[in-house]
Amino acid sequence: MGFIDFLLRRKKFDQAAHRAHLLRTGRITEGGVFDVVTDDAGEITQIFFRYNISGVDYESSQMLDPEQSRRQGDYTPGARITVRYHPHQPGNSTVV
């Protein structure tokens, strides 16, 4: 690896650390689940949700963590959810 490549290499994205940071410091808004992905047993594994910040609609998806998976009823389509988002990048969000 050359010196320039060394300087330009990017860190590997740490999803868990990113989520933990948003849960600690992100602003809170309300959103809604509009679709889900289920596994063969019918358990929800991924949710698709939308929320609005300053008149702009955002859509995102998230894999459920083990704690969220135990609360399947909280993430059915149409459910209201709490979203934490980065104040300078509102499209950067996570479901609480």
N, C-alpha and C. Protein backbone atom coordinates (compact mmCIF):
# COMPACT_ATOMS: atom_id res chain seq x y z
N MET A 1 0.85 -1.16 0.00
CA MET A 1 0.00 0.00 0.00
C MET A 1 0.90 1.23 0.00
N GLY A 2 0.64 2.13 -0.95
CA GLY A 2 1.41 3.35 -1.02
C GLY A 2 1.00 4.34 0.06
N PHE A 3 1.79 5.37 0.22
CA PHE A 3 1.54 6.38 1.24
C PHE A 3 0.21 7.09 1.00
N ILE A 4 -0.09 7.43 -0.25
CA ILE A 4 -1.35 8.10 -0.57
C ILE A 4 -2.53 7.18 -0.25
N ASP A 5 -2.42 5.90 -0.60
CA ASP A 5 -3.47 4.94 -0.28
C ASP A 5 -3.68 4.85 1.22
N PHE A 6 -2.59 4.88 1.97
CA PHE A 6 -2.67 4.83 3.42
C PHE A 6 -3.45 6.03 3.96
N LEU A 7 -3.17 7.22 3.44
CA LEU A 7 -3.85 8.42 3.90
C LEU A 7 -5.32 8.45 3.52
N LEU A 8 -5.65 7.87 2.38
CA LEU A 8 -7.02 7.92 1.88
C LEU A 8 -7.90 6.76 2.32
N ARG A 9 -7.31 5.77 2.97
CA ARG A 9 -8.13 4.61 3.34
C ARG A 9 -9.16 5.02 4.39
N ARG A 10 -10.27 4.42 4.28
CA ARG A 10 -11.39 4.73 5.17
C ARG A 10 -11.50 3.68 6.27
N LYS A 11 -11.98 4.15 7.42
CA LYS A 11 -12.24 3.21 8.51
C LYS A 11 -13.44 2.36 8.16
N LYS A 12 -13.46 1.16 8.67
CA LYS A 12 -14.61 0.28 8.48
C LYS A 12 -15.77 0.84 9.31
N PHE A 13 -16.95 0.92 8.71
CA PHE A 13 -18.12 1.47 9.37
C PHE A 13 -18.59 0.53 10.47
N ASP A 14 -18.72 1.04 11.69
CA ASP A 14 -19.17 0.27 12.84
C ASP A 14 -20.62 0.61 13.13
N GLN A 15 -21.54 -0.22 12.65
CA GLN A 15 -22.97 0.03 12.78
C GLN A 15 -23.40 0.14 14.24
N ALA A 16 -22.90 -0.74 15.10
CA ALA A 16 -23.30 -0.72 16.51
C ALA A 16 -22.86 0.57 17.20
N ALA A 17 -21.65 1.02 16.93
CA ALA A 17 -21.15 2.26 17.53
C ALA A 17 -21.93 3.46 17.02
N HIS A 18 -22.25 3.43 15.73
CA HIS A 18 -23.02 4.53 15.14
C HIS A 18 -24.41 4.61 15.77
N ARG A 19 -25.06 3.47 15.93
CA ARG A 19 -26.39 3.44 16.56
C ARG A 19 -26.31 3.91 18.00
N ALA A 20 -25.31 3.47 18.74
CA ALA A 20 -25.15 3.89 20.14
C ALA A 20 -24.96 5.40 20.23
N HIS A 21 -24.19 5.96 19.32
CA HIS A 21 -23.97 7.42 19.31
C HIS A 21 -25.28 8.16 19.05
N LEU A 22 -26.07 7.71 18.07
CA LEU A 22 -27.35 8.36 17.80
C LEU A 22 -28.32 8.23 18.98
N LEU A 23 -28.30 7.09 19.65
CA LEU A 23 -29.19 6.91 20.79
C LEU A 23 -28.82 7.85 21.94
N ARG A 24 -27.54 8.18 22.06
CA ARG A 24 -27.08 9.10 23.12
C ARG A 24 -27.29 10.56 22.76
N THR A 25 -27.02 10.92 21.51
CA THR A 25 -26.94 12.34 21.16
C THR A 25 -27.96 12.81 20.13
N GLY A 26 -28.66 11.89 19.49
CA GLY A 26 -29.58 12.28 18.42
C GLY A 26 -30.81 12.99 18.92
N ARG A 27 -31.37 13.83 18.09
CA ARG A 27 -32.64 14.48 18.40
C ARG A 27 -33.76 13.48 18.19
N ILE A 28 -34.88 13.73 18.86
CA ILE A 28 -36.00 12.80 18.84
C ILE A 28 -37.16 13.35 18.01
N THR A 29 -37.76 12.47 17.25
CA THR A 29 -39.00 12.79 16.52
C THR A 29 -39.86 11.53 16.48
N GLU A 30 -41.05 11.67 15.97
CA GLU A 30 -41.95 10.54 15.83
C GLU A 30 -42.03 10.14 14.37
N GLY A 31 -42.17 8.86 14.13
CA GLY A 31 -42.29 8.36 12.78
C GLY A 31 -43.29 7.23 12.73
N GLY A 32 -43.36 6.58 11.60
CA GLY A 32 -44.27 5.46 11.44
C GLY A 32 -43.69 4.36 10.58
N VAL A 33 -44.01 3.13 10.92
CA VAL A 33 -43.57 1.96 10.15
C VAL A 33 -44.53 1.80 8.98
N PHE A 34 -43.98 1.65 7.76
CA PHE A 34 -44.86 1.44 6.61
C PHE A 34 -44.67 0.08 5.95
N ASP A 35 -43.63 -0.67 6.30
CA ASP A 35 -43.45 -2.01 5.74
C ASP A 35 -42.47 -2.78 6.61
N VAL A 36 -42.51 -4.09 6.51
CA VAL A 36 -41.60 -4.95 7.28
C VAL A 36 -41.13 -6.10 6.41
N VAL A 37 -40.03 -6.71 6.82
CA VAL A 37 -39.53 -7.95 6.23
C VAL A 37 -39.58 -8.99 7.34
N THR A 38 -40.10 -10.17 7.05
CA THR A 38 -40.18 -11.23 8.04
C THR A 38 -39.33 -12.42 7.62
N ASP A 39 -38.96 -13.23 8.60
CA ASP A 39 -38.23 -14.45 8.30
C ASP A 39 -39.21 -15.59 8.06
N ASP A 40 -38.71 -16.81 7.90
CA ASP A 40 -39.57 -17.96 7.61
C ASP A 40 -40.55 -18.26 8.74
N ALA A 41 -40.21 -17.86 9.97
CA ALA A 41 -41.08 -18.11 11.12
C ALA A 41 -42.11 -17.00 11.31
N GLY A 42 -42.07 -15.98 10.45
CA GLY A 42 -43.02 -14.88 10.55
C GLY A 42 -42.58 -13.77 11.50
N GLU A 43 -41.36 -13.85 12.01
CA GLU A 43 -40.82 -12.82 12.91
C GLU A 43 -40.30 -11.65 12.09
N ILE A 44 -40.58 -10.44 12.55
CA ILE A 44 -40.10 -9.24 11.86
C ILE A 44 -38.60 -9.12 12.06
N THR A 45 -37.86 -8.96 10.96
CA THR A 45 -36.40 -8.81 11.03
C THR A 45 -35.94 -7.43 10.60
N GLN A 46 -36.71 -6.77 9.76
CA GLN A 46 -36.34 -5.46 9.25
C GLN A 46 -37.60 -4.61 9.10
N ILE A 47 -37.48 -3.31 9.43
CA ILE A 47 -38.61 -2.40 9.28
C ILE A 47 -38.24 -1.27 8.32
N PHE A 48 -39.25 -0.76 7.67
CA PHE A 48 -39.12 0.42 6.81
C PHE A 48 -39.98 1.49 7.46
N PHE A 49 -39.42 2.67 7.65
CA PHE A 49 -40.14 3.71 8.37
C PHE A 49 -39.93 5.07 7.74
N ARG A 50 -40.84 6.00 8.07
CA ARG A 50 -40.72 7.38 7.59
C ARG A 50 -40.92 8.33 8.75
N TYR A 51 -40.35 9.51 8.58
CA TYR A 51 -40.48 10.57 9.56
C TYR A 51 -40.28 11.90 8.85
N ASN A 52 -40.65 13.00 9.51
CA ASN A 52 -40.60 14.32 8.89
C ASN A 52 -39.80 15.25 9.79
N ILE A 53 -38.85 15.96 9.20
CA ILE A 53 -38.05 16.95 9.90
C ILE A 53 -38.13 18.25 9.12
N SER A 54 -38.62 19.30 9.75
CA SER A 54 -38.72 20.63 9.14
C SER A 54 -39.39 20.60 7.77
N GLY A 55 -40.45 19.83 7.64
CA GLY A 55 -41.20 19.78 6.40
C GLY A 55 -40.62 18.87 5.33
N VAL A 56 -39.55 18.17 5.64
CA VAL A 56 -38.93 17.24 4.69
C VAL A 56 -39.20 15.82 5.16
N ASP A 57 -39.74 14.99 4.25
CA ASP A 57 -40.02 13.59 4.57
C ASP A 57 -38.78 12.74 4.32
N TYR A 58 -38.51 11.83 5.25
CA TYR A 58 -37.38 10.90 5.14
C TYR A 58 -37.92 9.49 5.26
N GLU A 59 -37.32 8.56 4.51
CA GLU A 59 -37.63 7.14 4.60
C GLU A 59 -36.34 6.40 4.83
N SER A 60 -36.41 5.38 5.67
CA SER A 60 -35.21 4.59 5.96
C SER A 60 -35.64 3.18 6.33
N SER A 61 -34.66 2.32 6.53
CA SER A 61 -34.94 0.96 6.99
C SER A 61 -33.90 0.59 8.04
N GLN A 62 -34.26 -0.39 8.83
CA GLN A 62 -33.35 -0.81 9.90
C GLN A 62 -33.62 -2.27 10.24
N MET A 63 -32.55 -3.01 10.45
CA MET A 63 -32.66 -4.37 10.97
C MET A 63 -32.95 -4.24 12.46
N LEU A 64 -33.85 -5.07 12.98
CA LEU A 64 -34.15 -5.03 14.40
C LEU A 64 -33.03 -5.69 15.19
N ASP A 65 -32.65 -5.05 16.31
CA ASP A 65 -31.65 -5.67 17.18
C ASP A 65 -32.37 -6.69 18.08
N PRO A 66 -31.63 -7.49 18.85
CA PRO A 66 -32.29 -8.53 19.67
C PRO A 66 -33.34 -7.97 20.64
N GLU A 67 -33.08 -6.83 21.24
CA GLU A 67 -34.06 -6.24 22.16
C GLU A 67 -35.33 -5.84 21.42
N GLN A 68 -35.17 -5.21 20.27
CA GLN A 68 -36.34 -4.82 19.48
C GLN A 68 -37.10 -6.04 18.98
N SER A 69 -36.40 -7.11 18.65
CA SER A 69 -37.04 -8.33 18.16
C SER A 69 -37.98 -8.94 19.19
N ARG A 70 -37.69 -8.72 20.48
CA ARG A 70 -38.57 -9.22 21.54
C ARG A 70 -39.87 -8.42 21.63
N ARG A 71 -39.91 -7.23 20.99
CA ARG A 71 -41.09 -6.37 21.01
C ARG A 71 -41.70 -6.28 19.60
N GLN A 72 -41.97 -7.41 19.00
CA GLN A 72 -42.46 -7.48 17.62
C GLN A 72 -43.69 -6.61 17.39
N GLY A 73 -44.60 -6.55 18.36
CA GLY A 73 -45.84 -5.81 18.21
C GLY A 73 -45.62 -4.31 18.07
N ASP A 74 -44.48 -3.80 18.51
CA ASP A 74 -44.18 -2.37 18.41
C ASP A 74 -43.80 -1.95 17.00
N TYR A 75 -43.56 -2.92 16.11
CA TYR A 75 -43.01 -2.60 14.79
C TYR A 75 -43.86 -3.12 13.64
N THR A 76 -45.14 -3.28 13.84
CA THR A 76 -46.02 -3.71 12.76
C THR A 76 -46.33 -2.52 11.86
N PRO A 77 -46.67 -2.75 10.60
CA PRO A 77 -47.00 -1.63 9.72
C PRO A 77 -48.12 -0.76 10.30
N GLY A 78 -47.90 0.54 10.26
CA GLY A 78 -48.84 1.49 10.83
C GLY A 78 -48.49 1.92 12.25
N ALA A 79 -47.56 1.22 12.88
CA ALA A 79 -47.18 1.55 14.26
C ALA A 79 -46.44 2.88 14.32
N ARG A 80 -46.68 3.65 15.37
CA ARG A 80 -45.94 4.89 15.62
C ARG A 80 -44.67 4.51 16.37
N ILE A 81 -43.55 5.11 15.96
CA ILE A 81 -42.26 4.79 16.56
C ILE A 81 -41.51 6.07 16.92
N THR A 82 -40.53 5.93 17.78
CA THR A 82 -39.64 7.03 18.13
C THR A 82 -38.37 6.89 17.31
N VAL A 83 -37.98 7.98 16.67
CA VAL A 83 -36.78 7.99 15.82
C VAL A 83 -35.79 8.99 16.40
N ARG A 84 -34.54 8.60 16.47
CA ARG A 84 -33.46 9.53 16.82
C ARG A 84 -32.68 9.80 15.54
N TYR A 85 -32.36 11.08 15.30
CA TYR A 85 -31.68 11.46 14.08
C TYR A 85 -30.56 12.44 14.37
N HIS A 86 -29.61 12.50 13.46
CA HIS A 86 -28.48 13.43 13.56
C HIS A 86 -28.99 14.82 13.17
N PRO A 87 -28.82 15.84 14.03
CA PRO A 87 -29.39 17.16 13.74
C PRO A 87 -28.85 17.83 12.47
N HIS A 88 -27.62 17.51 12.08
CA HIS A 88 -27.04 18.12 10.88
C HIS A 88 -27.22 17.25 9.64
N GLN A 89 -27.62 16.01 9.84
CA GLN A 89 -27.88 15.07 8.74
C GLN A 89 -29.14 14.28 9.09
N PRO A 90 -30.32 14.90 8.96
CA PRO A 90 -31.56 14.26 9.41
C PRO A 90 -31.87 12.91 8.77
N GLY A 91 -31.28 12.64 7.63
CA GLY A 91 -31.48 11.35 6.99
C GLY A 91 -30.73 10.24 7.70
N ASN A 92 -29.86 10.58 8.60
CA ASN A 92 -29.07 9.65 9.39
C ASN A 92 -29.84 9.37 10.68
N SER A 93 -30.49 8.21 10.78
CA SER A 93 -31.40 7.98 11.89
C SER A 93 -31.38 6.54 12.37
N THR A 94 -32.02 6.33 13.54
CA THR A 94 -32.21 5.00 14.07
C THR A 94 -33.51 4.97 14.86
N VAL A 95 -34.14 3.82 14.91
CA VAL A 95 -35.38 3.65 15.66
C VAL A 95 -35.04 3.23 17.08
N VAL A 96 -35.73 3.85 18.03
CA VAL A 96 -35.49 3.55 19.45
C VAL A 96 -36.26 2.31 19.85
